[in-house]
């Protein structure tokens, strides 16, 4: 029974890292594209998942408190050629949302 523990840990680590890599937005991944990380995790049993955790997984946004959506918005704004405009505010309620009011 004890000899199966390393194999189970290896499988669990691989599955965790594979799911994490698939769910992570490619824009915040480090060093390689998403498909490359998926192949590395699957082809190299222990080294691939550890490499994902060390070199591929995005850094925590706890320091700046930004979400992945905010990072994506910043990336899209940086590609624009015009001057950055004021940040787009989301509606506070249904009566402020033009899409909601249009459907009424």
C-alpha atoms as a PDB file:
ATOM      1  CA  UNK A   1       0.000   0.000   0.000  1.00  0.00           C
ATOM      2  CA  UNK A   2       2.803   2.424   0.834  1.00  0.00           C
ATOM      3  CA  UNK A   3       4.445   1.955  -2.557  1.00  0.00           C
ATOM      4  CA  UNK A   4       1.393   3.440  -4.298  1.00  0.00           C
ATOM      5  CA  UNK A   5       1.618   6.763  -2.448  1.00  0.00           C
ATOM      6  CA  UNK A   6       4.331   8.324  -4.686  1.00  0.00           C
ATOM      7  CA  UNK A   7       2.429   7.315  -7.815  1.00  0.00           C
ATOM      8  CA  UNK A   8      -0.803   8.785  -6.464  1.00  0.00           C
ATOM      9  CA  UNK A   9       0.977  12.003  -5.476  1.00  0.00           C
ATOM     10  CA  UNK A  10       2.502  12.261  -8.941  1.00  0.00           C
ATOM     11  CA  UNK A  11      -0.892  11.785 -10.597  1.00  0.00           C
ATOM     12  CA  UNK A  12      -2.540  14.297  -8.252  1.00  0.00           C
ATOM     13  CA  UNK A  13       0.172  16.900  -8.914  1.00  0.00           C
ATOM     14  CA  UNK A  14      -0.081  16.379 -12.667  1.00  0.00           C
ATOM     15  CA  UNK A  15      -3.876  16.664 -12.673  1.00  0.00           C
ATOM     16  CA  UNK A  16      -3.805  19.771 -10.456  1.00  0.00           C
ATOM     17  CA  UNK A  17      -1.209  21.527 -12.623  1.00  0.00           C
ATOM     18  CA  UNK A  18      -2.933  20.501 -15.849  1.00  0.00           C
ATOM     19  CA  UNK A  19      -6.280  21.893 -14.713  1.00  0.00           C
ATOM     20  CA  UNK A  20      -4.594  25.035 -13.382  1.00  0.00           C
ATOM     21  CA  UNK A  21      -2.758  25.593 -16.678  1.00  0.00           C
ATOM     22  CA  UNK A  22      -5.895  25.055 -18.755  1.00  0.00           C
ATOM     23  CA  UNK A  23      -7.968  27.450 -16.655  1.00  0.00           C
ATOM     24  CA  UNK A  24      -5.336  30.195 -16.563  1.00  0.00           C
ATOM     25  CA  UNK A  25      -5.667  32.972 -19.124  1.00  0.00           C
ATOM     26  CA  UNK A  26      -2.857  32.862 -21.641  1.00  0.00           C
ATOM     27  CA  UNK A  27      -2.254  36.583 -21.231  1.00  0.00           C
ATOM     28  CA  UNK A  28      -1.041  36.154 -17.631  1.00  0.00           C
ATOM     29  CA  UNK A  29       1.025  32.979 -18.179  1.00  0.00           C
ATOM     30  CA  UNK A  30       4.749  33.371 -17.875  1.00  0.00           C
ATOM     31  CA  UNK A  31       7.527  32.271 -20.236  1.00  0.00           C
ATOM     32  CA  UNK A  32       5.618  29.982 -22.665  1.00  0.00           C
ATOM     33  CA  UNK A  33       2.246  29.794 -24.414  1.00  0.00           C
ATOM     34  CA  UNK A  34      -0.585  27.755 -22.929  1.00  0.00           C
ATOM     35  CA  UNK A  35      -0.285  24.768 -25.273  1.00  0.00           C
ATOM     36  CA  UNK A  36       3.431  24.463 -24.570  1.00  0.00           C
ATOM     37  CA  UNK A  37       2.765  24.318 -20.820  1.00  0.00           C
ATOM     38  CA  UNK A  38       0.065  21.679 -21.292  1.00  0.00           C
ATOM     39  CA  UNK A  39       2.437  19.507 -23.334  1.00  0.00           C
ATOM     40  CA  UNK A  40       5.272  19.959 -20.829  1.00  0.00           C
ATOM     41  CA  UNK A  41       3.012  19.000 -17.927  1.00  0.00           C
ATOM     42  CA  UNK A  42       1.781  15.895 -19.738  1.00  0.00           C
ATOM     43  CA  UNK A  43       5.087  14.732 -21.248  1.00  0.00           C
ATOM     44  CA  UNK A  44       7.361  15.136 -18.231  1.00  0.00           C
ATOM     45  CA  UNK A  45       5.683  13.453 -15.232  1.00  0.00           C
ATOM     46  CA  UNK A  46       7.267  15.224 -12.249  1.00  0.00           C
ATOM     47  CA  UNK A  47       9.440  17.881 -13.851  1.00  0.00           C
ATOM     48  CA  UNK A  48       6.615  19.356 -15.955  1.00  0.00           C
ATOM     49  CA  UNK A  49       4.215  20.111 -13.087  1.00  0.00           C
ATOM     50  CA  UNK A  50       7.019  21.463 -10.908  1.00  0.00           C
ATOM     51  CA  UNK A  51       8.194  23.668 -13.790  1.00  0.00           C
ATOM     52  CA  UNK A  52       4.631  24.979 -14.169  1.00  0.00           C
ATOM     53  CA  UNK A  53       4.432  25.843 -10.485  1.00  0.00           C
ATOM     54  CA  UNK A  54       7.823  27.561 -10.498  1.00  0.00           C
ATOM     55  CA  UNK A  55       8.105  29.208 -13.909  1.00  0.00           C
ATOM     56  CA  UNK A  56       4.736  29.231 -15.641  1.00  0.00           C
ATOM     57  CA  UNK A  57       2.054  29.968 -13.127  1.00  0.00           C
ATOM     58  CA  UNK A  58       1.104  33.652 -12.933  1.00  0.00           C
ATOM     59  CA  UNK A  59       2.309  35.604  -9.960  1.00  0.00           C
ATOM     60  CA  UNK A  60      -0.222  36.305  -7.285  1.00  0.00           C
ATOM     61  CA  UNK A  61      -1.965  39.608  -7.648  1.00  0.00           C
ATOM     62  CA  UNK A  62      -2.164  40.067  -3.888  1.00  0.00           C
ATOM     63  CA  UNK A  63       0.412  42.849  -3.994  1.00  0.00           C
ATOM     64  CA  UNK A  64      -1.514  45.069  -6.367  1.00  0.00           C
ATOM     65  CA  UNK A  65      -4.995  43.626  -5.778  1.00  0.00           C
ATOM     66  CA  UNK A  66      -5.875  43.512  -9.490  1.00  0.00           C
ATOM     67  CA  UNK A  67      -7.977  40.741 -10.949  1.00  0.00           C
ATOM     68  CA  UNK A  68      -7.213  38.871 -14.156  1.00  0.00           C
ATOM     69  CA  UNK A  69      -9.974  40.810 -15.915  1.00  0.00           C
ATOM     70  CA  UNK A  70      -8.319  44.096 -14.950  1.00  0.00           C
ATOM     71  CA  UNK A  71      -4.979  42.831 -16.259  1.00  0.00           C
ATOM     72  CA  UNK A  72      -6.658  41.828 -19.522  1.00  0.00           C
ATOM     73  CA  UNK A  73      -8.269  45.275 -19.810  1.00  0.00           C
ATOM     74  CA  UNK A  74      -4.880  46.921 -19.221  1.00  0.00           C
ATOM     75  CA  UNK A  75      -3.352  44.740 -21.915  1.00  0.00           C
ATOM     76  CA  UNK A  76      -6.060  45.674 -24.419  1.00  0.00           C
ATOM     77  CA  UNK A  77      -5.668  49.368 -23.604  1.00  0.00           C
ATOM     78  CA  UNK A  78      -1.896  49.151 -24.048  1.00  0.00           C
ATOM     79  CA  UNK A  79      -2.388  47.849 -27.609  1.00  0.00           C
ATOM     80  CA  UNK A  80      -4.591  50.807 -28.552  1.00  0.00           C
ATOM     81  CA  UNK A  81      -2.851  53.516 -30.530  1.00  0.00           C
ATOM     82  CA  UNK A  82      -4.893  56.378 -29.147  1.00  0.00           C
ATOM     83  CA  UNK A  83      -4.470  58.055 -25.788  1.00  0.00           C
ATOM     84  CA  UNK A  84      -5.896  56.146 -22.850  1.00  0.00           C
ATOM     85  CA  UNK A  85      -9.356  57.294 -21.936  1.00  0.00           C
ATOM     86  CA  UNK A  86     -11.054  57.262 -18.586  1.00  0.00           C
ATOM     87  CA  UNK A  87     -11.712  53.800 -17.196  1.00  0.00           C
ATOM     88  CA  UNK A  88     -15.037  52.365 -18.237  1.00  0.00           C
ATOM     89  CA  UNK A  89     -17.447  52.146 -15.338  1.00  0.00           C
ATOM     90  CA  UNK A  90     -19.889  49.311 -15.072  1.00  0.00           C
ATOM     91  CA  UNK A  91     -23.550  50.104 -14.364  1.00  0.00           C
ATOM     92  CA  UNK A  92     -24.525  50.252 -10.713  1.00  0.00           C
ATOM     93  CA  UNK A  93     -28.009  48.862 -11.162  1.00  0.00           C
ATOM     94  CA  UNK A  94     -30.354  47.556 -13.849  1.00  0.00           C
ATOM     95  CA  UNK A  95     -31.825  51.012 -14.472  1.00  0.00           C
ATOM     96  CA  UNK A  96     -28.330  52.340 -15.338  1.00  0.00           C
ATOM     97  CA  UNK A  97     -27.591  49.519 -17.784  1.00  0.00           C
ATOM     98  CA  UNK A  98     -28.488  50.491 -21.371  1.00  0.00           C
ATOM     99  CA  UNK A  99     -28.526  46.856 -22.502  1.00  0.00           C
ATOM    100  CA  UNK A 100     -31.037  45.973 -19.804  1.00  0.00           C
ATOM    101  CA  UNK A 101     -33.228  48.962 -20.596  1.00  0.00           C
ATOM    102  CA  UNK A 102     -33.112  48.157 -24.313  1.00  0.00           C
ATOM    103  CA  UNK A 103     -34.663  44.734 -23.648  1.00  0.00           C
ATOM    104  CA  UNK A 104     -37.636  46.142 -21.721  1.00  0.00           C
END
